[in-house]
Amino acid sequence: MLDRESSFSHPEIVALLKNNFVPVAIDQAYQRRQKDAEGRFYQKIANGGPRKVGDGGPTTQGRYTADAEGRFLGYNTTAIRETFS
């Protein structure tokens, strides 16, 4: 299973993330409910993954990757065994 400890301790993965991605941490409980541009941007990304905004689920928690346009690239969480696309 891919998790934070094993993923973020691997030097090649750390280098890839540092050189090619901008990390963002949010409280998804707010962004998934927002009705403004920021909320719509997050919702667009989250809806690319398995946990859809508005599907009645309690959370969209996880690690998402997306490009600057908000195009979903992948998803992972340790809570359930879903993996990057």
N, C-alpha and C. Protein backbone atom coordinates (compact mmCIF):
# COMPACT_ATOMS: atom_id res chain seq x y z
N MET A 1 0.84 -1.17 0.00
CA MET A 1 0.00 0.00 0.00
C MET A 1 0.89 1.24 0.00
N LEU A 2 0.53 2.20 -0.80
CA LEU A 2 1.24 3.47 -0.87
C LEU A 2 0.78 4.36 0.27
N ASP A 3 1.70 4.79 1.11
CA ASP A 3 1.32 5.67 2.21
C ASP A 3 2.34 6.79 2.35
N ARG A 4 2.02 7.74 3.23
CA ARG A 4 2.90 8.91 3.41
C ARG A 4 4.31 8.53 3.80
N GLU A 5 4.44 7.65 4.76
CA GLU A 5 5.77 7.31 5.27
C GLU A 5 6.65 6.71 4.19
N SER A 6 6.12 5.74 3.46
CA SER A 6 6.95 5.10 2.43
C SER A 6 7.12 5.99 1.20
N SER A 7 6.08 6.72 0.82
CA SER A 7 6.16 7.57 -0.37
C SER A 7 7.11 8.73 -0.18
N PHE A 8 6.96 9.43 0.93
CA PHE A 8 7.71 10.66 1.12
C PHE A 8 9.08 10.44 1.74
N SER A 9 9.49 9.19 1.91
CA SER A 9 10.85 8.92 2.36
C SER A 9 11.71 8.40 1.20
N HIS A 10 11.10 8.20 0.04
CA HIS A 10 11.82 7.71 -1.13
C HIS A 10 12.43 8.91 -1.86
N PRO A 11 13.77 9.00 -1.99
CA PRO A 11 14.42 10.18 -2.56
C PRO A 11 13.95 10.55 -3.97
N GLU A 12 13.68 9.57 -4.81
CA GLU A 12 13.24 9.89 -6.18
C GLU A 12 11.85 10.52 -6.18
N ILE A 13 10.97 10.03 -5.34
CA ILE A 13 9.62 10.60 -5.26
C ILE A 13 9.68 12.00 -4.68
N VAL A 14 10.48 12.20 -3.65
CA VAL A 14 10.64 13.53 -3.05
C VAL A 14 11.17 14.51 -4.09
N ALA A 15 12.17 14.12 -4.85
CA ALA A 15 12.73 15.00 -5.89
C ALA A 15 11.70 15.31 -6.96
N LEU A 16 10.96 14.32 -7.40
CA LEU A 16 9.91 14.53 -8.40
C LEU A 16 8.88 15.54 -7.90
N LEU A 17 8.42 15.36 -6.67
CA LEU A 17 7.42 16.26 -6.11
C LEU A 17 7.98 17.67 -5.93
N LYS A 18 9.19 17.78 -5.41
CA LYS A 18 9.79 19.09 -5.18
C LYS A 18 10.02 19.86 -6.47
N ASN A 19 10.38 19.16 -7.54
CA ASN A 19 10.73 19.82 -8.80
C ASN A 19 9.56 20.03 -9.75
N ASN A 20 8.46 19.30 -9.56
CA ASN A 20 7.39 19.35 -10.55
C ASN A 20 6.01 19.69 -10.01
N PHE A 21 5.87 19.83 -8.71
CA PHE A 21 4.56 20.07 -8.12
C PHE A 21 4.62 21.19 -7.09
N VAL A 22 3.50 21.84 -6.88
CA VAL A 22 3.34 22.83 -5.82
C VAL A 22 2.40 22.21 -4.79
N PRO A 23 2.90 21.92 -3.59
CA PRO A 23 2.04 21.31 -2.58
C PRO A 23 1.04 22.32 -2.01
N VAL A 24 -0.16 21.86 -1.80
CA VAL A 24 -1.21 22.68 -1.22
C VAL A 24 -1.93 21.83 -0.18
N ALA A 25 -2.12 22.37 0.99
CA ALA A 25 -2.87 21.67 2.03
C ALA A 25 -4.09 22.51 2.38
N ILE A 26 -5.24 21.89 2.39
CA ILE A 26 -6.49 22.60 2.70
C ILE A 26 -7.31 21.77 3.67
N ASP A 27 -8.32 22.40 4.23
CA ASP A 27 -9.31 21.69 5.02
C ASP A 27 -10.49 21.42 4.09
N GLN A 28 -10.55 20.22 3.54
CA GLN A 28 -11.54 19.90 2.52
C GLN A 28 -12.98 20.06 2.99
N ALA A 29 -13.20 20.06 4.29
CA ALA A 29 -14.55 20.23 4.81
C ALA A 29 -15.14 21.58 4.38
N TYR A 30 -14.27 22.58 4.19
CA TYR A 30 -14.74 23.90 3.73
C TYR A 30 -14.80 23.97 2.21
N GLN A 31 -13.72 23.60 1.53
CA GLN A 31 -13.66 23.76 0.08
C GLN A 31 -14.71 22.94 -0.65
N ARG A 32 -15.06 21.80 -0.15
CA ARG A 32 -16.06 21.00 -0.86
C ARG A 32 -17.45 21.60 -0.76
N ARG A 33 -17.66 22.55 0.16
CA ARG A 33 -18.96 23.22 0.32
C ARG A 33 -18.98 24.63 -0.25
N GLN A 34 -17.82 25.18 -0.56
CA GLN A 34 -17.75 26.57 -1.04
C GLN A 34 -18.44 26.74 -2.38
N LYS A 35 -19.06 27.91 -2.57
CA LYS A 35 -19.79 28.22 -3.81
C LYS A 35 -19.07 29.28 -4.64
N ASP A 36 -17.77 29.49 -4.36
CA ASP A 36 -17.01 30.49 -5.09
C ASP A 36 -15.99 29.80 -6.01
N ALA A 37 -15.12 30.59 -6.65
CA ALA A 37 -14.14 30.04 -7.59
C ALA A 37 -13.19 29.05 -6.93
N GLU A 38 -12.75 29.34 -5.72
CA GLU A 38 -11.85 28.43 -5.01
C GLU A 38 -12.53 27.08 -4.76
N GLY A 39 -13.77 27.14 -4.31
CA GLY A 39 -14.52 25.90 -4.07
C GLY A 39 -14.73 25.11 -5.34
N ARG A 40 -15.11 25.79 -6.41
CA ARG A 40 -15.34 25.10 -7.69
C ARG A 40 -14.05 24.47 -8.21
N PHE A 41 -12.91 25.13 -8.01
CA PHE A 41 -11.62 24.58 -8.45
C PHE A 41 -11.33 23.28 -7.69
N TYR A 42 -11.47 23.32 -6.36
CA TYR A 42 -11.24 22.10 -5.57
C TYR A 42 -12.23 21.00 -5.94
N GLN A 43 -13.49 21.35 -6.10
CA GLN A 43 -14.52 20.37 -6.42
C GLN A 43 -14.26 19.70 -7.77
N LYS A 44 -13.77 20.49 -8.72
CA LYS A 44 -13.41 19.93 -10.03
C LYS A 44 -12.33 18.85 -9.87
N ILE A 45 -11.32 19.14 -9.07
CA ILE A 45 -10.25 18.17 -8.83
C ILE A 45 -10.79 16.96 -8.08
N ALA A 46 -11.49 17.20 -6.98
CA ALA A 46 -12.00 16.10 -6.15
C ALA A 46 -12.95 15.19 -6.93
N ASN A 47 -13.74 15.76 -7.81
CA ASN A 47 -14.68 14.94 -8.57
C ASN A 47 -14.01 14.04 -9.59
N GLY A 48 -12.73 14.25 -9.83
CA GLY A 48 -11.98 13.35 -10.69
C GLY A 48 -11.62 12.06 -9.98
N GLY A 49 -11.60 12.09 -8.66
CA GLY A 49 -11.26 10.93 -7.86
C GLY A 49 -12.49 10.10 -7.50
N PRO A 50 -12.30 9.12 -6.64
CA PRO A 50 -13.39 8.21 -6.29
C PRO A 50 -14.40 8.80 -5.31
N ARG A 51 -14.02 9.85 -4.60
CA ARG A 51 -14.92 10.46 -3.61
C ARG A 51 -15.48 11.75 -4.19
N LYS A 52 -16.68 11.70 -4.72
CA LYS A 52 -17.28 12.83 -5.40
C LYS A 52 -17.91 13.82 -4.42
N VAL A 53 -17.77 15.10 -4.73
CA VAL A 53 -18.43 16.13 -3.95
C VAL A 53 -19.93 16.00 -4.18
N GLY A 54 -20.69 15.99 -3.10
CA GLY A 54 -22.14 15.94 -3.23
C GLY A 54 -22.73 14.56 -3.42
N ASP A 55 -21.93 13.50 -3.31
CA ASP A 55 -22.48 12.15 -3.49
C ASP A 55 -23.04 11.56 -2.20
N GLY A 56 -23.10 12.39 -1.17
CA GLY A 56 -23.63 11.93 0.10
C GLY A 56 -22.57 11.39 1.04
N GLY A 57 -21.35 11.24 0.55
CA GLY A 57 -20.26 10.77 1.40
C GLY A 57 -19.84 11.84 2.39
N PRO A 58 -19.22 11.45 3.48
CA PRO A 58 -18.86 12.41 4.50
C PRO A 58 -17.59 13.21 4.22
N THR A 59 -16.80 12.82 3.22
CA THR A 59 -15.52 13.47 3.02
C THR A 59 -14.98 13.28 1.61
N THR A 60 -14.11 14.19 1.21
CA THR A 60 -13.33 14.02 -0.02
C THR A 60 -11.85 13.97 0.35
N GLN A 61 -11.58 13.63 1.60
CA GLN A 61 -10.22 13.59 2.14
C GLN A 61 -9.32 12.67 1.31
N GLY A 62 -8.07 13.07 1.15
CA GLY A 62 -7.09 12.26 0.44
C GLY A 62 -6.00 13.13 -0.13
N ARG A 63 -5.11 12.53 -0.89
CA ARG A 63 -4.05 13.25 -1.58
C ARG A 63 -4.37 13.23 -3.07
N TYR A 64 -4.54 14.41 -3.62
CA TYR A 64 -4.88 14.56 -5.03
C TYR A 64 -3.71 15.18 -5.77
N THR A 65 -3.56 14.85 -7.03
CA THR A 65 -2.65 15.57 -7.90
C THR A 65 -3.47 16.12 -9.05
N ALA A 66 -3.13 17.35 -9.44
CA ALA A 66 -3.85 18.02 -10.53
C ALA A 66 -2.90 19.00 -11.19
N ASP A 67 -3.23 19.38 -12.42
CA ASP A 67 -2.42 20.41 -13.07
C ASP A 67 -2.97 21.79 -12.71
N ALA A 68 -2.33 22.84 -13.20
CA ALA A 68 -2.72 24.21 -12.86
C ALA A 68 -4.12 24.57 -13.33
N GLU A 69 -4.62 23.85 -14.32
CA GLU A 69 -5.97 24.08 -14.82
C GLU A 69 -7.02 23.37 -13.98
N GLY A 70 -6.59 22.53 -13.05
CA GLY A 70 -7.53 21.77 -12.24
C GLY A 70 -7.84 20.40 -12.81
N ARG A 71 -7.08 19.98 -13.82
CA ARG A 71 -7.31 18.66 -14.40
C ARG A 71 -6.78 17.59 -13.45
N PHE A 72 -7.65 16.68 -13.07
CA PHE A 72 -7.31 15.61 -12.14
C PHE A 72 -6.26 14.69 -12.74
N LEU A 73 -5.21 14.40 -11.94
CA LEU A 73 -4.15 13.49 -12.39
C LEU A 73 -4.11 12.19 -11.59
N GLY A 74 -4.44 12.27 -10.30
CA GLY A 74 -4.38 11.05 -9.48
C GLY A 74 -4.86 11.29 -8.07
N TYR A 75 -5.06 10.21 -7.34
CA TYR A 75 -5.60 10.25 -5.98
C TYR A 75 -5.03 9.10 -5.17
N ASN A 76 -4.86 9.35 -3.88
CA ASN A 76 -4.42 8.31 -2.96
C ASN A 76 -4.86 8.67 -1.55
N THR A 77 -5.16 7.66 -0.76
CA THR A 77 -5.41 7.85 0.66
C THR A 77 -5.04 6.57 1.38
N THR A 78 -4.68 6.70 2.65
CA THR A 78 -4.39 5.50 3.43
C THR A 78 -5.63 5.01 4.16
N ALA A 79 -6.70 5.80 4.17
CA ALA A 79 -7.93 5.41 4.88
C ALA A 79 -8.58 4.21 4.18
N ILE A 80 -8.56 4.20 2.87
CA ILE A 80 -9.06 3.07 2.09
C ILE A 80 -8.03 2.77 1.02
N ARG A 81 -8.00 1.61 0.51
CA ARG A 81 -6.91 1.21 -0.38
C ARG A 81 -7.14 1.62 -1.83
N GLU A 82 -7.31 2.90 -2.06
CA GLU A 82 -7.40 3.43 -3.40
C GLU A 82 -6.00 3.91 -3.78
N THR A 83 -5.66 3.85 -5.03
CA THR A 83 -4.32 4.22 -5.44
C THR A 83 -4.36 5.25 -6.55
N PHE A 84 -3.19 5.84 -6.82
CA PHE A 84 -3.10 6.81 -7.90
C PHE A 84 -3.56 6.20 -9.21
N SER A 85 -4.21 7.03 -10.01
CA SER A 85 -4.68 6.60 -11.32
C SER A 85 -3.53 6.49 -12.29
